[in-house]
Amino acid sequence: LGQMPKTPALPHEWYNTPNIHLCTLHDF
């Protein structure tokens, strides 16, 4: 879709999210 995701775990829009450092299991 070429859009930042919105899911139950990530419910905010890209412009108002408090999440600034998202990662995967492998990243962590």
PDB file of all heavy atoms in Angstrom:
ATOM      1  N   LEU A   1       0.811  -1.218   0.000  1.00  0.00           N
ATOM      2  CA  LEU A   1       0.000   0.000   0.000  1.00  0.00           C
ATOM      3  C   LEU A   1       0.845   1.268   0.000  1.00  0.00           C
ATOM      4  O   LEU A   1       0.351   2.342  -0.319  1.00  0.00           O
ATOM      5  CB  LEU A   1      -0.943   0.013   1.201  1.00  0.00           C
ATOM      6  CG  LEU A   1      -1.952  -1.143   1.292  1.00  0.00           C
ATOM      7  CD1 LEU A   1      -2.789  -1.009   2.551  1.00  0.00           C
ATOM      8  CD2 LEU A   1      -2.828  -1.199   0.051  1.00  0.00           C
ATOM      9  N   GLY A   2       2.117   1.126   0.400  1.00  0.00           N
ATOM     10  CA  GLY A   2       2.993   2.292   0.446  1.00  0.00           C
ATOM     11  C   GLY A   2       2.631   3.267   1.545  1.00  0.00           C
ATOM     12  O   GLY A   2       2.895   4.460   1.432  1.00  0.00           O
ATOM     13  N   GLN A   3       2.035   2.763   2.609  1.00  0.00           N
ATOM     14  CA  GLN A   3       1.618   3.611   3.735  1.00  0.00           C
ATOM     15  C   GLN A   3       2.159   3.047   5.043  1.00  0.00           C
ATOM     16  O   GLN A   3       2.356   1.838   5.175  1.00  0.00           O
ATOM     17  CB  GLN A   3       0.095   3.649   3.841  1.00  0.00           C
ATOM     18  CG  GLN A   3      -0.591   4.282   2.674  1.00  0.00           C
ATOM     19  CD  GLN A   3      -2.104   4.214   2.853  1.00  0.00           C
ATOM     20  OE1 GLN A   3      -2.657   3.198   3.233  1.00  0.00           O
ATOM     21  NE2 GLN A   3      -2.765   5.327   2.567  1.00  0.00           N
ATOM     22  N   MET A   4       2.354   3.947   6.001  1.00  0.00           N
ATOM     23  CA  MET A   4       2.725   3.504   7.337  1.00  0.00           C
ATOM     24  C   MET A   4       1.557   2.705   7.917  1.00  0.00           C
ATOM     25  O   MET A   4       0.398   3.054   7.708  1.00  0.00           O
ATOM     26  CB  MET A   4       3.059   4.691   8.245  1.00  0.00           C
ATOM     27  CG  MET A   4       4.372   5.355   7.890  1.00  0.00           C
ATOM     28  SD  MET A   4       5.798   4.236   7.986  1.00  0.00           S
ATOM     29  CE  MET A   4       5.903   3.954   9.740  1.00  0.00           C
ATOM     30  N   PRO A   5       1.861   1.630   8.638  1.00  0.00           N
ATOM     31  CA  PRO A   5       0.801   0.753   9.121  1.00  0.00           C
ATOM     32  C   PRO A   5      -0.012   1.337  10.266  1.00  0.00           C
ATOM     33  O   PRO A   5       0.488   2.130  11.057  1.00  0.00           O
ATOM     34  CB  PRO A   5       1.565  -0.483   9.596  1.00  0.00           C
ATOM     35  CG  PRO A   5       2.931   0.015   9.900  1.00  0.00           C
ATOM     36  CD  PRO A   5       3.188   1.143   8.947  1.00  0.00           C
ATOM     37  N   LYS A   6      -1.267   0.917  10.291  1.00  0.00           N
ATOM     38  CA  LYS A   6      -2.154   1.150  11.436  1.00  0.00           C
ATOM     39  C   LYS A   6      -2.730  -0.203  11.801  1.00  0.00           C
ATOM     40  O   LYS A   6      -3.392  -0.838  10.998  1.00  0.00           O
ATOM     41  CB  LYS A   6      -3.280   2.120  11.073  1.00  0.00           C
ATOM     42  CG  LYS A   6      -3.029   3.531  11.522  1.00  0.00           C
ATOM     43  CD  LYS A   6      -4.201   4.415  11.242  1.00  0.00           C
ATOM     44  CE  LYS A   6      -5.216   4.314  12.356  1.00  0.00           C
ATOM     45  NZ  LYS A   6      -6.306   5.277  12.217  1.00  0.00           N
ATOM     46  N   THR A   7      -2.407  -0.665  13.002  1.00  0.00           N
ATOM     47  CA  THR A   7      -2.872  -1.956  13.494  1.00  0.00           C
ATOM     48  C   THR A   7      -3.305  -1.775  14.948  1.00  0.00           C
ATOM     49  O   THR A   7      -3.075  -0.711  15.532  1.00  0.00           O
ATOM     50  CB  THR A   7      -1.740  -3.007  13.430  1.00  0.00           C
ATOM     51  OG1 THR A   7      -0.720  -2.630  14.371  1.00  0.00           O
ATOM     52  CG2 THR A   7      -1.142  -3.118  12.034  1.00  0.00           C
ATOM     53  N   PRO A   8      -3.905  -2.805  15.559  1.00  0.00           N
ATOM     54  CA  PRO A   8      -4.233  -2.676  16.987  1.00  0.00           C
ATOM     55  C   PRO A   8      -3.006  -2.370  17.856  1.00  0.00           C
ATOM     56  O   PRO A   8      -3.106  -1.646  18.831  1.00  0.00           O
ATOM     57  CB  PRO A   8      -4.837  -4.037  17.331  1.00  0.00           C
ATOM     58  CG  PRO A   8      -5.440  -4.503  16.048  1.00  0.00           C
ATOM     59  CD  PRO A   8      -4.476  -4.029  14.982  1.00  0.00           C
ATOM     60  N   ALA A   9      -1.845  -2.892  17.469  1.00  0.00           N
ATOM     61  CA  ALA A   9      -0.629  -2.617  18.232  1.00  0.00           C
ATOM     62  C   ALA A   9      -0.011  -1.267  17.870  1.00  0.00           C
ATOM     63  O   ALA A   9       0.762  -0.705  18.639  1.00  0.00           O
ATOM     64  CB  ALA A   9       0.391  -3.732  18.015  1.00  0.00           C
ATOM     65  N   LEU A  10      -0.342  -0.734  16.697  1.00  0.00           N
ATOM     66  CA  LEU A  10       0.164   0.558  16.216  1.00  0.00           C
ATOM     67  C   LEU A  10      -1.026   1.393  15.743  1.00  0.00           C
ATOM     68  O   LEU A  10      -1.229   1.588  14.552  1.00  0.00           O
ATOM     69  CB  LEU A  10       1.143   0.352  15.058  1.00  0.00           C
ATOM     70  CG  LEU A  10       2.401  -0.449  15.350  1.00  0.00           C
ATOM     71  CD1 LEU A  10       3.092  -0.869  14.069  1.00  0.00           C
ATOM     72  CD2 LEU A  10       3.329   0.356  16.238  1.00  0.00           C
ATOM     73  N   PRO A  11      -1.829   1.915  16.670  1.00  0.00           N
ATOM     74  CA  PRO A  11      -3.105   2.528  16.289  1.00  0.00           C
ATOM     75  C   PRO A  11      -3.046   3.973  15.799  1.00  0.00           C
ATOM     76  O   PRO A  11      -4.060   4.498  15.347  1.00  0.00           O
ATOM     77  CB  PRO A  11      -3.905   2.450  17.587  1.00  0.00           C
ATOM     78  CG  PRO A  11      -2.875   2.541  18.666  1.00  0.00           C
ATOM     79  CD  PRO A  11      -1.667   1.817  18.120  1.00  0.00           C
ATOM     80  N   HIS A  12      -1.888   4.614  15.858  1.00  0.00           N
ATOM     81  CA  HIS A  12      -1.802   6.038  15.518  1.00  0.00           C
ATOM     82  C   HIS A  12      -1.488   6.271  14.042  1.00  0.00           C
ATOM     83  O   HIS A  12      -0.965   5.412  13.358  1.00  0.00           O
ATOM     84  CB  HIS A  12      -0.722   6.724  16.364  1.00  0.00           C
ATOM     85  CG  HIS A  12      -0.959   6.612  17.826  1.00  0.00           C
ATOM     86  ND1 HIS A  12      -1.886   7.374  18.492  1.00  0.00           N
ATOM     87  CD2 HIS A  12      -0.396   5.811  18.763  1.00  0.00           C
ATOM     88  CE1 HIS A  12      -1.884   7.053  19.763  1.00  0.00           C
ATOM     89  NE2 HIS A  12      -0.993   6.102  19.961  1.00  0.00           N
ATOM     90  N   GLU A  13      -1.788   7.472  13.590  1.00  0.00           N
ATOM     91  CA  GLU A  13      -1.372   7.908  12.253  1.00  0.00           C
ATOM     92  C   GLU A  13       0.129   8.201  12.299  1.00  0.00           C
ATOM     93  O   GLU A  13       0.694   8.486  13.358  1.00  0.00           O
ATOM     94  CB  GLU A  13      -2.135   9.174  11.838  1.00  0.00           C
ATOM     95  CG  GLU A  13      -3.636   8.990  11.735  1.00  0.00           C
ATOM     96  CD  GLU A  13      -4.059   8.117  10.560  1.00  0.00           C
ATOM     97  OE1 GLU A  13      -3.229   7.888   9.651  1.00  0.00           O
ATOM     98  OE2 GLU A  13      -5.205   7.660  10.564  1.00  0.00           O
ATOM     99  N   TRP A  14       0.776   8.197  11.143  1.00  0.00           N
ATOM    100  CA  TRP A  14       2.219   8.423  11.096  1.00  0.00           C
ATOM    101  C   TRP A  14       2.606   9.783  11.658  1.00  0.00           C
ATOM    102  O   TRP A  14       3.675   9.942  12.242  1.00  0.00           O
ATOM    103  CB  TRP A  14       2.741   8.283   9.660  1.00  0.00           C
ATOM    104  CG  TRP A  14       2.274   9.382   8.743  1.00  0.00           C
ATOM    105  CD1 TRP A  14       1.157   9.379   7.970  1.00  0.00           C
ATOM    106  CD2 TRP A  14       2.891  10.645   8.533  1.00  0.00           C
ATOM    107  NE1 TRP A  14       1.039  10.555   7.277  1.00  0.00           N
ATOM    108  CE2 TRP A  14       2.102  11.361   7.604  1.00  0.00           C
ATOM    109  CE3 TRP A  14       4.043  11.262   9.026  1.00  0.00           C
ATOM    110  CZ2 TRP A  14       2.416  12.640   7.181  1.00  0.00           C
ATOM    111  CZ3 TRP A  14       4.357  12.530   8.591  1.00  0.00           C
ATOM    112  CH2 TRP A  14       3.554  13.207   7.672  1.00  0.00           C
ATOM    113  N   TYR A  15       1.739  10.769  11.543  1.00  0.00           N
ATOM    114  CA  TYR A  15       2.091  12.127  11.950  1.00  0.00           C
ATOM    115  C   TYR A  15       1.817  12.423  13.429  1.00  0.00           C
ATOM    116  O   TYR A  15       2.259  13.439  13.938  1.00  0.00           O
ATOM    117  CB  TYR A  15       1.350  13.156  11.088  1.00  0.00           C
ATOM    118  CG  TYR A  15      -0.151  12.955  11.038  1.00  0.00           C
ATOM    119  CD1 TYR A  15      -0.981  13.465  12.024  1.00  0.00           C
ATOM    120  CD2 TYR A  15      -0.731  12.229  10.005  1.00  0.00           C
ATOM    121  CE1 TYR A  15      -2.352  13.260  11.990  1.00  0.00           C
ATOM    122  CE2 TYR A  15      -2.096  12.023   9.959  1.00  0.00           C
ATOM    123  CZ  TYR A  15      -2.900  12.547  10.953  1.00  0.00           C
ATOM    124  OH  TYR A  15      -4.248  12.340  10.916  1.00  0.00           O
ATOM    125  N   ASN A  16       1.089  11.555  14.131  1.00  0.00           N
ATOM    126  CA  ASN A  16       0.823  11.828  15.550  1.00  0.00           C
ATOM    127  C   ASN A  16       1.196  10.651  16.444  1.00  0.00           C
ATOM    128  O   ASN A  16       0.756  10.582  17.582  1.00  0.00           O
ATOM    129  CB  ASN A  16      -0.633  12.242  15.765  1.00  0.00           C
ATOM    130  CG  ASN A  16      -1.623  11.131  15.458  1.00  0.00           C
ATOM    131  OD1 ASN A  16      -1.253  10.004  15.141  1.00  0.00           O
ATOM    132  ND2 ASN A  16      -2.895  11.462  15.545  1.00  0.00           N
ATOM    133  N   THR A  17       2.010   9.745  15.932  1.00  0.00           N
ATOM    134  CA  THR A  17       2.385   8.571  16.722  1.00  0.00           C
ATOM    135  C   THR A  17       3.470   8.915  17.746  1.00  0.00           C
ATOM    136  O   THR A  17       4.378   9.689  17.446  1.00  0.00           O
ATOM    137  CB  THR A  17       2.868   7.421  15.813  1.00  0.00           C
ATOM    138  OG1 THR A  17       3.139   6.291  16.629  1.00  0.00           O
ATOM    139  CG2 THR A  17       4.106   7.795  15.028  1.00  0.00           C
ATOM    140  N   PRO A  18       3.389   8.331  18.933  1.00  0.00           N
ATOM    141  CA  PRO A  18       4.492   8.476  19.888  1.00  0.00           C
ATOM    142  C   PRO A  18       5.645   7.521  19.548  1.00  0.00           C
ATOM    143  O   PRO A  18       6.726   7.642  20.091  1.00  0.00           O
ATOM    144  CB  PRO A  18       3.851   8.100  21.225  1.00  0.00           C
ATOM    145  CG  PRO A  18       2.736   7.175  20.853  1.00  0.00           C
ATOM    146  CD  PRO A  18       2.236   7.644  19.513  1.00  0.00           C
ATOM    147  N   ASN A  19       5.391   6.601  18.621  1.00  0.00           N
ATOM    148  CA  ASN A  19       6.388   5.596  18.261  1.00  0.00           C
ATOM    149  C   ASN A  19       7.390   6.184  17.268  1.00  0.00           C
ATOM    150  O   ASN A  19       7.047   6.486  16.144  1.00  0.00           O
ATOM    151  CB  ASN A  19       5.701   4.375  17.642  1.00  0.00           C
ATOM    152  CG  ASN A  19       4.709   3.762  18.585  1.00  0.00           C
ATOM    153  OD1 ASN A  19       5.005   3.525  19.749  1.00  0.00           O
ATOM    154  ND2 ASN A  19       3.506   3.511  18.100  1.00  0.00           N
ATOM    155  N   ILE A  20       8.640   6.325  17.710  1.00  0.00           N
ATOM    156  CA  ILE A  20       9.659   6.925  16.854  1.00  0.00           C
ATOM    157  C   ILE A  20      10.764   5.946  16.471  1.00  0.00           C
ATOM    158  O   ILE A  20      11.499   6.198  15.533  1.00  0.00           O
ATOM    159  CB  ILE A  20      10.271   8.187  17.505  1.00  0.00           C
ATOM    160  CG1 ILE A  20      10.879   7.861  18.865  1.00  0.00           C
ATOM    161  CG2 ILE A  20       9.223   9.285  17.621  1.00  0.00           C
ATOM    162  CD1 ILE A  20      11.595   9.026  19.519  1.00  0.00           C
ATOM    163  N   HIS A  21      10.880   4.838  17.192  1.00  0.00           N
ATOM    164  CA  HIS A  21      11.899   3.834  16.893  1.00  0.00           C
ATOM    165  C   HIS A  21      11.252   2.455  16.860  1.00  0.00           C
ATOM    166  O   HIS A  21      11.381   1.668  17.788  1.00  0.00           O
ATOM    167  CB  HIS A  21      13.025   3.861  17.926  1.00  0.00           C
ATOM    168  CG  HIS A  21      13.941   5.015  17.768  1.00  0.00           C
ATOM    169  ND1 HIS A  21      13.985   6.054  18.658  1.00  0.00           N
ATOM    170  CD2 HIS A  21      14.850   5.307  16.811  1.00  0.00           C
ATOM    171  CE1 HIS A  21      14.877   6.935  18.252  1.00  0.00           C
ATOM    172  NE2 HIS A  21      15.413   6.501  17.130  1.00  0.00           N
ATOM    173  N   LEU A  22      10.566   2.169  15.776  1.00  0.00           N
ATOM    174  CA  LEU A  22       9.926   0.868  15.627  1.00  0.00           C
ATOM    175  C   LEU A  22      10.966  -0.169  15.232  1.00  0.00           C
ATOM    176  O   LEU A  22      11.953   0.147  14.573  1.00  0.00           O
ATOM    177  CB  LEU A  22       8.822   0.960  14.578  1.00  0.00           C
ATOM    178  CG  LEU A  22       7.670   1.886  14.977  1.00  0.00           C
ATOM    179  CD1 LEU A  22       6.790   2.193  13.778  1.00  0.00           C
ATOM    180  CD2 LEU A  22       6.852   1.263  16.098  1.00  0.00           C
ATOM    181  N   CYS A  23      10.738  -1.412  15.661  1.00  0.00           N
ATOM    182  CA  CYS A  23      11.695  -2.467  15.342  1.00  0.00           C
ATOM    183  C   CYS A  23      10.979  -3.805  15.197  1.00  0.00           C
ATOM    184  O   CYS A  23       9.802  -3.930  15.519  1.00  0.00           O
ATOM    185  CB  CYS A  23      12.787  -2.550  16.409  1.00  0.00           C
ATOM    186  SG  CYS A  23      12.226  -3.095  18.035  1.00  0.00           S
ATOM    187  N   THR A  24      11.740  -4.781  14.729  1.00  0.00           N
ATOM    188  CA  THR A  24      11.254  -6.150  14.612  1.00  0.00           C
ATOM    189  C   THR A  24      11.895  -6.986  15.720  1.00  0.00           C
ATOM    190  O   THR A  24      12.783  -6.510  16.443  1.00  0.00           O
ATOM    191  CB  THR A  24      11.628  -6.751  13.255  1.00  0.00           C
ATOM    192  OG1 THR A  24      13.049  -6.920  13.205  1.00  0.00           O
ATOM    193  CG2 THR A  24      11.153  -5.877  12.100  1.00  0.00           C
ATOM    194  N   LEU A  25      11.481  -8.237  15.798  1.00  0.00           N
ATOM    195  CA  LEU A  25      12.089  -9.144  16.771  1.00  0.00           C
ATOM    196  C   LEU A  25      13.589  -9.275  16.501  1.00  0.00           C
ATOM    197  O   LEU A  25      14.401  -9.225  17.423  1.00  0.00           O
ATOM    198  CB  LEU A  25      11.451 -10.533  16.695  1.00  0.00           C
ATOM    199  CG  LEU A  25       9.937 -10.627  16.824  1.00  0.00           C
ATOM    200  CD1 LEU A  25       9.495 -12.070  16.727  1.00  0.00           C
ATOM    201  CD2 LEU A  25       9.441  -9.998  18.087  1.00  0.00           C
ATOM    202  N   HIS A  26      13.940  -9.421  15.228  1.00  0.00           N
ATOM    203  CA  HIS A  26      15.354  -9.578  14.870  1.00  0.00           C
ATOM    204  C   HIS A  26      16.155  -8.325  15.228  1.00  0.00           C
ATOM    205  O   HIS A  26      17.288  -8.426  15.694  1.00  0.00           O
ATOM    206  CB  HIS A  26      15.504  -9.883  13.380  1.00  0.00           C
ATOM    207  CG  HIS A  26      14.856 -11.166  12.974  1.00  0.00           C
ATOM    208  ND1 HIS A  26      15.127 -12.384  13.566  1.00  0.00           N
ATOM    209  CD2 HIS A  26      13.927 -11.426  12.037  1.00  0.00           C
ATOM    210  CE1 HIS A  26      14.409 -13.330  13.014  1.00  0.00           C
ATOM    211  NE2 HIS A  26      13.655 -12.773  12.070  1.00  0.00           N
ATOM    212  N   ASP A  27      15.576  -7.144  15.021  1.00  0.00           N
ATOM    213  CA  ASP A  27      16.256  -5.901  15.385  1.00  0.00           C
ATOM    214  C   ASP A  27      16.553  -5.863  16.879  1.00  0.00           C
ATOM    215  O   ASP A  27      17.659  -5.510  17.297  1.00  0.00           O
ATOM    216  CB  ASP A  27      15.404  -4.678  15.028  1.00  0.00           C
ATOM    217  CG  ASP A  27      15.243  -4.463  13.543  1.00  0.00           C
ATOM    218  OD1 ASP A  27      16.181  -4.775  12.780  1.00  0.00           O
ATOM    219  OD2 ASP A  27      14.174  -3.980  13.139  1.00  0.00           O
ATOM    220  N   PHE A  28      15.555  -6.223  17.693  1.00  0.00           N
ATOM    221  CA  PHE A  28      15.746  -6.162  19.147  1.00  0.00           C
ATOM    222  C   PHE A  28      16.781  -7.189  19.600  1.00  0.00           C
ATOM    223  O   PHE A  28      17.628  -6.890  20.444  1.00  0.00           O
ATOM    224  CB  PHE A  28      14.429  -6.363  19.898  1.00  0.00           C
ATOM    225  CG  PHE A  28      14.600  -6.228  21.379  1.00  0.00           C
ATOM    226  CD1 PHE A  28      14.740  -4.981  21.961  1.00  0.00           C
ATOM    227  CD2 PHE A  28      14.666  -7.355  22.186  1.00  0.00           C
ATOM    228  CE1 PHE A  28      14.942  -4.849  23.331  1.00  0.00           C
ATOM    229  CE2 PHE A  28      14.858  -7.235  23.555  1.00  0.00           C
ATOM    230  CZ  PHE A  28      14.999  -5.978  24.124  1.00  0.00           C
TER     231      PHE A  28
END
